[in-house]
C-alpha cells in the first residue's frame, strides 16, 4: 500500500526525529479522552512500580499501557487498514478491559 504525504500527516507524528503513530481520528472524543486518562494512570503505575522495584506490578502496568495504546490505535494493526467498525470495537474492548 503506497502512502502519500497527506495520509502521512494524519497517520504519523514526528517527535525529535522519531515517528509515532497518531491516535485513530475516527474514535469518539469521549472514548479518546477516557483511553488517554487510563493510559496516563497506567504510565504513572509503571513509574511507581519501577520506584518500588516491583516486577509483578510493573508487568501489569506495562500491559495496561499496551492495552490503552492499542485501543487508541497507536499500537497493533494500523487503524487506517481496518474497517471503522473494527476500529471502534478495538477501542471499546480496550476500555472494557481497563475499567
PDB file of N, CA and C in Angstrom:
ATOM      1  N   UNK A   1       0.848  -1.180   0.000  1.00  0.00           N
ATOM      2  CA  UNK A   1       0.000   0.000   0.000  1.00  0.00           C
ATOM      3  C   UNK A   1       0.889   1.236   0.000  1.00  0.00           C
ATOM      4  N   UNK A   2       0.749   2.082  -0.985  1.00  0.00           N
ATOM      5  CA  UNK A   2       1.590   3.275  -1.021  1.00  0.00           C
ATOM      6  C   UNK A   2       0.927   4.377  -0.219  1.00  0.00           C
ATOM      7  N   UNK A   3       1.748   5.106   0.490  1.00  0.00           N
ATOM      8  CA  UNK A   3       1.237   6.182   1.322  1.00  0.00           C
ATOM      9  C   UNK A   3       1.670   7.502   0.717  1.00  0.00           C
ATOM     10  N   UNK A   4       0.755   8.456   0.641  1.00  0.00           N
ATOM     11  CA  UNK A   4       1.169   9.773   0.183  1.00  0.00           C
ATOM     12  C   UNK A   4       1.344  10.684   1.385  1.00  0.00           C
ATOM     13  N   UNK A   5       1.923  11.849   1.172  1.00  0.00           N
ATOM     14  CA  UNK A   5       2.262  12.723   2.295  1.00  0.00           C
ATOM     15  C   UNK A   5       1.023  13.226   3.024  1.00  0.00           C
ATOM     16  N   UNK A   6      -0.117  13.388   2.330  1.00  0.00           N
ATOM     17  CA  UNK A   6      -1.338  13.826   3.016  1.00  0.00           C
ATOM     18  C   UNK A   6      -1.741  12.801   4.068  1.00  0.00           C
ATOM     19  N   UNK A   7      -1.722  11.534   3.695  1.00  0.00           N
ATOM     20  CA  UNK A   7      -2.071  10.484   4.646  1.00  0.00           C
ATOM     21  C   UNK A   7      -1.036  10.378   5.757  1.00  0.00           C
ATOM     22  N   UNK A   8       0.223  10.579   5.425  1.00  0.00           N
ATOM     23  CA  UNK A   8       1.283  10.505   6.431  1.00  0.00           C
ATOM     24  C   UNK A   8       1.052  11.507   7.552  1.00  0.00           C
ATOM     25  N   UNK A   9       0.610  12.717   7.212  1.00  0.00           N
ATOM     26  CA  UNK A   9       0.365  13.739   8.226  1.00  0.00           C
ATOM     27  C   UNK A   9      -0.750  13.320   9.182  1.00  0.00           C
ATOM     28  N   UNK A  10      -1.726  12.588   8.684  1.00  0.00           N
ATOM     29  CA  UNK A  10      -2.829  12.123   9.518  1.00  0.00           C
ATOM     30  C   UNK A  10      -2.433  10.897  10.338  1.00  0.00           C
ATOM     31  N   UNK A  11      -1.500  10.122   9.823  1.00  0.00           N
ATOM     32  CA  UNK A  11      -1.154   8.843  10.439  1.00  0.00           C
ATOM     33  C   UNK A  11       0.023   8.897  11.403  1.00  0.00           C
ATOM     34  N   UNK A  12       0.953   9.798  11.153  1.00  0.00           N
ATOM     35  CA  UNK A  12       2.206   9.790  11.911  1.00  0.00           C
ATOM     36  C   UNK A  12       2.513  11.158  12.490  1.00  0.00           C
ATOM     37  N   UNK A  13       3.171  11.144  13.642  1.00  0.00           N
ATOM     38  CA  UNK A  13       3.659  12.340  14.309  1.00  0.00           C
ATOM     39  C   UNK A  13       5.160  12.174  14.466  1.00  0.00           C
ATOM     40  N   UNK A  14       5.928  13.190  14.112  1.00  0.00           N
ATOM     41  CA  UNK A  14       7.382  13.123  14.242  1.00  0.00           C
ATOM     42  C   UNK A  14       7.792  13.954  15.458  1.00  0.00           C
ATOM     43  N   UNK A  15       8.452  13.305  16.412  1.00  0.00           N
ATOM     44  CA  UNK A  15       8.949  13.976  17.614  1.00  0.00           C
ATOM     45  C   UNK A  15      10.429  13.644  17.754  1.00  0.00           C
ATOM     46  N   UNK A  16      11.250  14.697  17.726  1.00  0.00           N
ATOM     47  CA  UNK A  16      12.702  14.530  17.834  1.00  0.00           C
ATOM     48  C   UNK A  16      13.228  13.491  16.844  1.00  0.00           C
ATOM     49  N   UNK A  17      12.711  13.547  15.629  1.00  0.00           N
ATOM     50  CA  UNK A  17      13.169  12.668  14.572  1.00  0.00           C
ATOM     51  C   UNK A  17      12.603  11.255  14.624  1.00  0.00           C
ATOM     52  N   UNK A  18      11.780  10.968  15.609  1.00  0.00           N
ATOM     53  CA  UNK A  18      11.195   9.630  15.720  1.00  0.00           C
ATOM     54  C   UNK A  18       9.729   9.674  15.308  1.00  0.00           C
ATOM     55  N   UNK A  19       9.314   8.675  14.554  1.00  0.00           N
ATOM     56  CA  UNK A  19       7.948   8.618  14.046  1.00  0.00           C
ATOM     57  C   UNK A  19       7.068   7.835  15.006  1.00  0.00           C
ATOM     58  N   UNK A  20       5.955   8.445  15.404  1.00  0.00           N
ATOM     59  CA  UNK A  20       4.982   7.822  16.303  1.00  0.00           C
ATOM     60  C   UNK A  20       3.630   7.785  15.605  1.00  0.00           C
ATOM     61  N   UNK A  21       2.921   6.703  15.799  1.00  0.00           N
ATOM     62  CA  UNK A  21       1.593   6.599  15.202  1.00  0.00           C
ATOM     63  C   UNK A  21       0.614   7.485  15.961  1.00  0.00           C
ATOM     64  N   UNK A  22      -0.197   8.199  15.217  1.00  0.00           N
ATOM     65  CA  UNK A  22      -1.216   9.064  15.824  1.00  0.00           C
ATOM     66  C   UNK A  22      -2.408   8.244  16.318  1.00  0.00           C
ATOM     67  N   UNK A  23      -3.148   8.837  17.219  1.00  0.00           N
ATOM     68  CA  UNK A  23      -4.403   8.272  17.695  1.00  0.00           C
ATOM     69  C   UNK A  23      -5.384   8.203  16.532  1.00  0.00           C
ATOM     70  N   UNK A  24      -6.193   7.167  16.508  1.00  0.00           N
ATOM     71  CA  UNK A  24      -7.204   6.992  15.471  1.00  0.00           C
ATOM     72  C   UNK A  24      -8.176   8.171  15.506  1.00  0.00           C
ATOM     73  N   UNK A  25      -8.249   8.970  14.439  1.00  0.00           N
ATOM     74  CA  UNK A  25      -9.103  10.157  14.430  1.00  0.00           C
ATOM     75  C   UNK A  25     -10.593   9.846  14.339  1.00  0.00           C
ATOM     76  N   UNK A  26     -10.962   8.612  14.042  1.00  0.00           N
ATOM     77  CA  UNK A  26     -12.377   8.264  13.890  1.00  0.00           C
ATOM     78  C   UNK A  26     -13.045   7.918  15.221  1.00  0.00           C
ATOM     79  N   UNK A  27     -12.254   7.779  16.271  1.00  0.00           N
ATOM     80  CA  UNK A  27     -12.834   7.432  17.574  1.00  0.00           C
ATOM     81  C   UNK A  27     -13.580   8.626  18.157  1.00  0.00           C
ATOM     82  N   UNK A  28     -14.617   8.333  18.917  1.00  0.00           N
ATOM     83  CA  UNK A  28     -15.382   9.389  19.577  1.00  0.00           C
ATOM     84  C   UNK A  28     -14.483  10.120  20.566  1.00  0.00           C
ATOM     85  N   UNK A  29     -14.607  11.444  20.654  1.00  0.00           N
ATOM     86  CA  UNK A  29     -13.774  12.204  21.589  1.00  0.00           C
ATOM     87  C   UNK A  29     -13.849  11.689  23.030  1.00  0.00           C
ATOM     88  N   UNK A  30     -15.027  11.275  23.469  1.00  0.00           N
ATOM     89  CA  UNK A  30     -15.150  10.769  24.850  1.00  0.00           C
ATOM     90  C   UNK A  30     -14.377   9.467  25.036  1.00  0.00           C
ATOM     91  N   UNK A  31     -14.321   8.640  24.001  1.00  0.00           N
ATOM     92  CA  UNK A  31     -13.567   7.382  24.055  1.00  0.00           C
ATOM     93  C   UNK A  31     -12.077   7.693  24.103  1.00  0.00           C
ATOM     94  N   UNK A  32     -11.633   8.622  23.264  1.00  0.00           N
ATOM     95  CA  UNK A  32     -10.225   9.023  23.265  1.00  0.00           C
ATOM     96  C   UNK A  32      -9.847   9.580  24.631  1.00  0.00           C
ATOM     97  N   UNK A  33     -10.690  10.442  25.169  1.00  0.00           N
ATOM     98  CA  UNK A  33     -10.411  11.060  26.466  1.00  0.00           C
ATOM     99  C   UNK A  33     -10.275  10.004  27.567  1.00  0.00           C
ATOM    100  N   UNK A  34     -11.197   9.049  27.596  1.00  0.00           N
ATOM    101  CA  UNK A  34     -11.127   8.022  28.637  1.00  0.00           C
ATOM    102  C   UNK A  34      -9.913   7.114  28.447  1.00  0.00           C
ATOM    103  N   UNK A  35      -9.632   6.727  27.214  1.00  0.00           N
ATOM    104  CA  UNK A  35      -8.458   5.883  26.976  1.00  0.00           C
ATOM    105  C   UNK A  35      -7.170   6.615  27.343  1.00  0.00           C
ATOM    106  N   UNK A  36      -7.095   7.903  27.018  1.00  0.00           N
ATOM    107  CA  UNK A  36      -5.894   8.666  27.370  1.00  0.00           C
ATOM    108  C   UNK A  36      -5.769   8.824  28.885  1.00  0.00           C
ATOM    109  N   UNK A  37      -6.882   8.963  29.563  1.00  0.00           N
ATOM    110  CA  UNK A  37      -6.850   9.029  31.023  1.00  0.00           C
ATOM    111  C   UNK A  37      -6.341   7.720  31.605  1.00  0.00           C
ATOM    112  N   UNK A  38      -6.842   6.616  31.079  1.00  0.00           N
ATOM    113  CA  UNK A  38      -6.388   5.290  31.534  1.00  0.00           C
ATOM    114  C   UNK A  38      -4.913   5.078  31.189  1.00  0.00           C
ATOM    115  N   UNK A  39      -4.488   5.581  30.033  1.00  0.00           N
ATOM    116  CA  UNK A  39      -3.086   5.488  29.635  1.00  0.00           C
ATOM    117  C   UNK A  39      -2.204   6.258  30.611  1.00  0.00           C
ATOM    118  N   UNK A  40      -2.629   7.452  30.973  1.00  0.00           N
ATOM    119  CA  UNK A  40      -1.869   8.247  31.927  1.00  0.00           C
ATOM    120  C   UNK A  40      -1.740   7.553  33.273  1.00  0.00           C
ATOM    121  N   UNK A  41      -2.833   6.954  33.729  1.00  0.00           N
ATOM    122  CA  UNK A  41      -2.806   6.227  35.005  1.00  0.00           C
ATOM    123  C   UNK A  41      -1.871   5.027  34.916  1.00  0.00           C
ATOM    124  N   UNK A  42      -1.900   4.339  33.793  1.00  0.00           N
ATOM    125  CA  UNK A  42      -1.025   3.165  33.619  1.00  0.00           C
ATOM    126  C   UNK A  42       0.439   3.588  33.564  1.00  0.00           C
ATOM    127  N   UNK A  43       0.720   4.692  32.899  1.00  0.00           N
ATOM    128  CA  UNK A  43       2.102   5.175  32.849  1.00  0.00           C
ATOM    129  C   UNK A  43       2.588   5.568  34.242  1.00  0.00           C
ATOM    130  N   UNK A  44       1.713   6.171  35.024  1.00  0.00           N
ATOM    131  CA  UNK A  44       2.065   6.512  36.395  1.00  0.00           C
ATOM    132  C   UNK A  44       2.325   5.242  37.208  1.00  0.00           C
ATOM    133  N   UNK A  45       1.517   4.216  36.979  1.00  0.00           N
ATOM    134  CA  UNK A  45       1.712   2.941  37.672  1.00  0.00           C
ATOM    135  C   UNK A  45       3.052   2.313  37.296  1.00  0.00           C
ATOM    136  N   UNK A  46       3.465   2.469  36.035  1.00  0.00           N
ATOM    137  CA  UNK A  46       4.782   1.979  35.602  1.00  0.00           C
ATOM    138  C   UNK A  46       5.863   2.683  36.416  1.00  0.00           C
ATOM    139  N   UNK A  47       5.762   3.986  36.501  1.00  0.00           N
ATOM    140  CA  UNK A  47       6.751   4.781  37.232  1.00  0.00           C
ATOM    141  C   UNK A  47       6.826   4.354  38.704  1.00  0.00           C
ATOM    142  N   UNK A  48       5.666   4.196  39.323  1.00  0.00           N
ATOM    143  CA  UNK A  48       5.627   3.822  40.738  1.00  0.00           C
ATOM    144  C   UNK A  48       6.177   2.412  40.964  1.00  0.00           C
ATOM    145  N   UNK A  49       5.830   1.495  40.080  1.00  0.00           N
ATOM    146  CA  UNK A  49       6.324   0.118  40.212  1.00  0.00           C
ATOM    147  C   UNK A  49       7.841   0.065  40.046  1.00  0.00           C
ATOM    148  N   UNK A  50       8.372   0.874  39.134  1.00  0.00           N
ATOM    149  CA  UNK A  50       9.830   0.936  38.955  1.00  0.00           C
ATOM    150  C   UNK A  50      10.496   1.448  40.230  1.00  0.00           C
ATOM    151  N   UNK A  51       9.902   2.478  40.837  1.00  0.00           N
ATOM    152  CA  UNK A  51      10.458   3.033  42.080  1.00  0.00           C
ATOM    153  C   UNK A  51      10.507   1.982  43.178  1.00  0.00           C
ATOM    154  N   UNK A  52       9.458   1.180  43.259  1.00  0.00           N
ATOM    155  CA  UNK A  52       9.375   0.151  44.299  1.00  0.00           C
ATOM    156  C   UNK A  52      10.166  -1.100  43.946  1.00  0.00           C
ATOM    157  N   UNK A  53      10.537  -1.236  42.687  1.00  0.00           N
ATOM    158  CA  UNK A  53      11.224  -2.445  42.253  1.00  0.00           C
ATOM    159  C   UNK A  53      10.310  -3.648  42.232  1.00  0.00           C
ATOM    160  N   UNK A  54       9.031  -3.403  41.975  1.00  0.00           N
ATOM    161  CA  UNK A  54       8.016  -4.459  41.987  1.00  0.00           C
ATOM    162  C   UNK A  54       7.781  -4.970  40.566  1.00  0.00           C
ATOM    163  N   UNK A  55       8.425  -6.080  40.235  1.00  0.00           N
ATOM    164  CA  UNK A  55       8.347  -6.624  38.885  1.00  0.00           C
ATOM    165  C   UNK A  55       6.962  -7.046  38.466  1.00  0.00           C
ATOM    166  N   UNK A  56       6.188  -7.601  39.389  1.00  0.00           N
ATOM    167  CA  UNK A  56       4.830  -8.060  39.060  1.00  0.00           C
ATOM    168  C   UNK A  56       3.935  -6.863  38.722  1.00  0.00           C
ATOM    169  N   UNK A  57       3.973  -5.832  39.572  1.00  0.00           N
ATOM    170  CA  UNK A  57       3.171  -4.637  39.304  1.00  0.00           C
ATOM    171  C   UNK A  57       3.644  -3.920  38.041  1.00  0.00           C
ATOM    172  N   UNK A  58       4.943  -3.927  37.805  1.00  0.00           N
ATOM    173  CA  UNK A  58       5.496  -3.296  36.613  1.00  0.00           C
ATOM    174  C   UNK A  58       4.975  -3.980  35.355  1.00  0.00           C
ATOM    175  N   UNK A  59       4.981  -5.284  35.355  1.00  0.00           N
ATOM    176  CA  UNK A  59       4.483  -6.035  34.193  1.00  0.00           C
ATOM    177  C   UNK A  59       3.005  -5.739  33.946  1.00  0.00           C
ATOM    178  N   UNK A  60       2.216  -5.690  35.003  1.00  0.00           N
ATOM    179  CA  UNK A  60       0.782  -5.400  34.858  1.00  0.00           C
ATOM    180  C   UNK A  60       0.567  -3.971  34.369  1.00  0.00           C
ATOM    181  N   UNK A  61       1.324  -3.020  34.886  1.00  0.00           N
ATOM    182  CA  UNK A  61       1.186  -1.627  34.460  1.00  0.00           C
ATOM    183  C   UNK A  61       1.567  -1.479  32.989  1.00  0.00           C
ATOM    184  N   UNK A  62       2.630  -2.142  32.581  1.00  0.00           N
ATOM    185  CA  UNK A  62       3.033  -2.077  31.168  1.00  0.00           C
ATOM    186  C   UNK A  62       1.987  -2.724  30.264  1.00  0.00           C
ATOM    187  N   UNK A  63       1.373  -3.785  30.736  1.00  0.00           N
ATOM    188  CA  UNK A  63       0.299  -4.429  29.965  1.00  0.00           C
ATOM    189  C   UNK A  63      -0.861  -3.452  29.777  1.00  0.00           C
ATOM    190  N   UNK A  64      -1.186  -2.707  30.833  1.00  0.00           N
ATOM    191  CA  UNK A  64      -2.280  -1.744  30.753  1.00  0.00           C
ATOM    192  C   UNK A  64      -1.932  -0.586  29.802  1.00  0.00           C
ATOM    193  N   UNK A  65      -0.682  -0.162  29.788  1.00  0.00           N
ATOM    194  CA  UNK A  65      -0.245   0.852  28.816  1.00  0.00           C
ATOM    195  C   UNK A  65      -0.470   0.315  27.411  1.00  0.00           C
ATOM    196  N   UNK A  66      -0.070  -0.922  27.182  1.00  0.00           N
ATOM    197  CA  UNK A  66      -0.217  -1.532  25.869  1.00  0.00           C
ATOM    198  C   UNK A  66      -1.689  -1.626  25.454  1.00  0.00           C
ATOM    199  N   UNK A  67      -2.551  -2.028  26.377  1.00  0.00           N
ATOM    200  CA  UNK A  67      -3.986  -2.134  26.080  1.00  0.00           C
ATOM    201  C   UNK A  67      -4.538  -0.763  25.687  1.00  0.00           C
ATOM    202  N   UNK A  68      -4.191   0.268  26.450  1.00  0.00           N
ATOM    203  CA  UNK A  68      -4.689   1.610  26.148  1.00  0.00           C
ATOM    204  C   UNK A  68      -4.180   2.092  24.793  1.00  0.00           C
ATOM    205  N   UNK A  69      -2.896   1.896  24.510  1.00  0.00           N
ATOM    206  CA  UNK A  69      -2.331   2.350  23.244  1.00  0.00           C
ATOM    207  C   UNK A  69      -2.917   1.577  22.064  1.00  0.00           C
ATOM    208  N   UNK A  70      -3.198   0.300  22.263  1.00  0.00           N
ATOM    209  CA  UNK A  70      -3.879  -0.466  21.216  1.00  0.00           C
ATOM    210  C   UNK A  70      -5.271   0.096  20.991  1.00  0.00           C
ATOM    211  N   UNK A  71      -5.984   0.382  22.058  1.00  0.00           N
ATOM    212  CA  UNK A  71      -7.333   0.935  21.936  1.00  0.00           C
ATOM    213  C   UNK A  71      -7.358   2.259  21.200  1.00  0.00           C
ATOM    214  N   UNK A  72      -6.331   3.063  21.409  1.00  0.00           N
ATOM    215  CA  UNK A  72      -6.221   4.352  20.724  1.00  0.00           C
ATOM    216  C   UNK A  72      -5.771   4.208  19.270  1.00  0.00           C
ATOM    217  N   UNK A  73      -5.346   3.012  18.901  1.00  0.00           N
ATOM    218  CA  UNK A  73      -4.867   2.783  17.543  1.00  0.00           C
ATOM    219  C   UNK A  73      -3.396   3.103  17.371  1.00  0.00           C
ATOM    220  N   UNK A  74      -2.697   3.370  18.473  1.00  0.00           N
ATOM    221  CA  UNK A  74      -1.286   3.745  18.409  1.00  0.00           C
ATOM    222  C   UNK A  74      -0.359   2.534  18.381  1.00  0.00           C
ATOM    223  N   UNK A  75      -0.907   1.372  18.631  1.00  0.00           N
ATOM    224  CA  UNK A  75      -0.173   0.106  18.525  1.00  0.00           C
ATOM    225  C   UNK A  75      -1.094  -0.918  17.879  1.00  0.00           C
ATOM    226  N   UNK A  76      -0.514  -2.050  17.530  1.00  0.00           N
ATOM    227  CA  UNK A  76      -1.310  -3.105  16.917  1.00  0.00           C
ATOM    228  C   UNK A  76      -1.522  -2.845  15.439  1.00  0.00           C
ATOM    229  N   UNK A  77      -2.577  -3.432  14.920  1.00  0.00           N
ATOM    230  CA  UNK A  77      -2.887  -3.265  13.499  1.00  0.00           C
ATOM    231  C   UNK A  77      -3.093  -1.784  13.182  1.00  0.00           C
ATOM    232  N   UNK A  78      -2.592  -1.360  12.023  1.00  0.00           N
ATOM    233  CA  UNK A  78      -2.756   0.034  11.615  1.00  0.00           C
ATOM    234  C   UNK A  78      -4.241   0.366  11.486  1.00  0.00           C
ATOM    235  N   UNK A  79      -4.677   1.446  12.140  1.00  0.00           N
ATOM    236  CA  UNK A  79      -6.092   1.780  12.110  1.00  0.00           C
ATOM    237  C   UNK A  79      -6.581   2.104  10.702  1.00  0.00           C
ATOM    238  N   UNK A  80      -5.717   2.650   9.858  1.00  0.00           N
ATOM    239  CA  UNK A  80      -6.140   3.014   8.503  1.00  0.00           C
ATOM    240  C   UNK A  80      -6.303   1.794   7.596  1.00  0.00           C
ATOM    241  N   UNK A  81      -5.925   0.626   8.083  1.00  0.00           N
ATOM    242  CA  UNK A  81      -6.126  -0.607   7.314  1.00  0.00           C
ATOM    243  C   UNK A  81      -7.304  -1.425   7.844  1.00  0.00           C
ATOM    244  N   UNK A  82      -7.999  -0.888   8.835  1.00  0.00           N
ATOM    245  CA  UNK A  82      -9.119  -1.586   9.463  1.00  0.00           C
ATOM    246  C   UNK A  82     -10.434  -0.905   9.077  1.00  0.00           C
ATOM    247  N   UNK A  83     -11.518  -1.664   9.165  1.00  0.00           N
ATOM    248  CA  UNK A  83     -12.828  -1.048   8.956  1.00  0.00           C
ATOM    249  C   UNK A  83     -13.143  -0.162  10.165  1.00  0.00           C
ATOM    250  N   UNK A  84     -13.995   0.818   9.959  1.00  0.00           N
ATOM    251  CA  UNK A  84     -14.386   1.714  11.038  1.00  0.00           C
ATOM    252  C   UNK A  84     -15.012   0.922  12.191  1.00  0.00           C
ATOM    253  N   UNK A  85     -15.807  -0.055  11.852  1.00  0.00           N
ATOM    254  CA  UNK A  85     -16.444  -0.896  12.873  1.00  0.00           C
ATOM    255  C   UNK A  85     -15.394  -1.619  13.729  1.00  0.00           C
ATOM    256  N   UNK A  86     -14.393  -2.179  13.085  1.00  0.00           N
ATOM    257  CA  UNK A  86     -13.335  -2.882  13.823  1.00  0.00           C
ATOM    258  C   UNK A  86     -12.516  -1.922  14.688  1.00  0.00           C
ATOM    259  N   UNK A  87     -12.284  -0.725  14.175  1.00  0.00           N
ATOM    260  CA  UNK A  87     -11.533   0.278  14.939  1.00  0.00           C
ATOM    261  C   UNK A  87     -12.286   0.659  16.203  1.00  0.00           C
ATOM    262  N   UNK A  88     -13.559   0.896  16.077  1.00  0.00           N
ATOM    263  CA  UNK A  88     -14.376   1.265  17.243  1.00  0.00           C
ATOM    264  C   UNK A  88     -14.493   0.106  18.220  1.00  0.00           C
ATOM    265  N   UNK A  89     -14.619  -1.097  17.697  1.00  0.00           N
ATOM    266  CA  UNK A  89     -14.710  -2.285  18.560  1.00  0.00           C
ATOM    267  C   UNK A  89     -13.411  -2.467  19.344  1.00  0.00           C
ATOM    268  N   UNK A  90     -12.278  -2.252  18.692  1.00  0.00           N
ATOM    269  CA  UNK A  90     -10.981  -2.377  19.372  1.00  0.00           C
ATOM    270  C   UNK A  90     -10.892  -1.376  20.530  1.00  0.00           C
ATOM    271  N   UNK A  91     -11.345  -0.155  20.300  1.00  0.00           N
ATOM    272  CA  UNK A  91     -11.302   0.863  21.355  1.00  0.00           C
ATOM    273  C   UNK A  91     -12.214   0.485  22.521  1.00  0.00           C
ATOM    274  N   UNK A  92     -13.412   0.033  22.210  1.00  0.00           N
ATOM    275  CA  UNK A  92     -14.362  -0.347  23.271  1.00  0.00           C
ATOM    276  C   UNK A  92     -13.862  -1.561  24.054  1.00  0.00           C
ATOM    277  N   UNK A  93     -13.260  -2.503  23.366  1.00  0.00           N
ATOM    278  CA  UNK A  93     -12.708  -3.678  24.041  1.00  0.00           C
ATOM    279  C   UNK A  93     -11.611  -3.249  25.006  1.00  0.00           C
ATOM    280  N   UNK A  94     -10.767  -2.339  24.580  1.00  0.00           N
ATOM    281  CA  UNK A  94      -9.686  -1.838  25.432  1.00  0.00           C
ATOM    282  C   UNK A  94     -10.270  -1.127  26.651  1.00  0.00           C
ATOM    283  N   UNK A  95     -11.259  -0.285  26.435  1.00  0.00           N
ATOM    284  CA  UNK A  95     -11.885   0.418  27.556  1.00  0.00           C
ATOM    285  C   UNK A  95     -12.486  -0.560  28.553  1.00  0.00           C
ATOM    286  N   UNK A  96     -13.191  -1.539  28.054  1.00  0.00           N
ATOM    287  CA  UNK A  96     -13.801  -2.529  28.940  1.00  0.00           C
ATOM    288  C   UNK A  96     -12.752  -3.270  29.761  1.00  0.00           C
ATOM    289  N   UNK A  97     -11.625  -3.544  29.157  1.00  0.00           N
ATOM    290  CA  UNK A  97     -10.553  -4.244  29.871  1.00  0.00           C
ATOM    291  C   UNK A  97      -9.898  -3.361  30.928  1.00  0.00           C
ATOM    292  N   UNK A  98      -9.849  -2.064  30.662  1.00  0.00           N
ATOM    293  CA  UNK A  98      -9.177  -1.134  31.574  1.00  0.00           C
ATOM    294  C   UNK A  98     -10.082  -0.588  32.681  1.00  0.00           C
ATOM    295  N   UNK A  99     -11.349  -0.817  32.578  1.00  0.00           N
ATOM    296  CA  UNK A  99     -12.292  -0.293  33.598  1.00  0.00           C
ATOM    297  C   UNK A  99     -12.260  -1.148  34.833  1.00  0.00           C
TER     298      UNK A  99
END
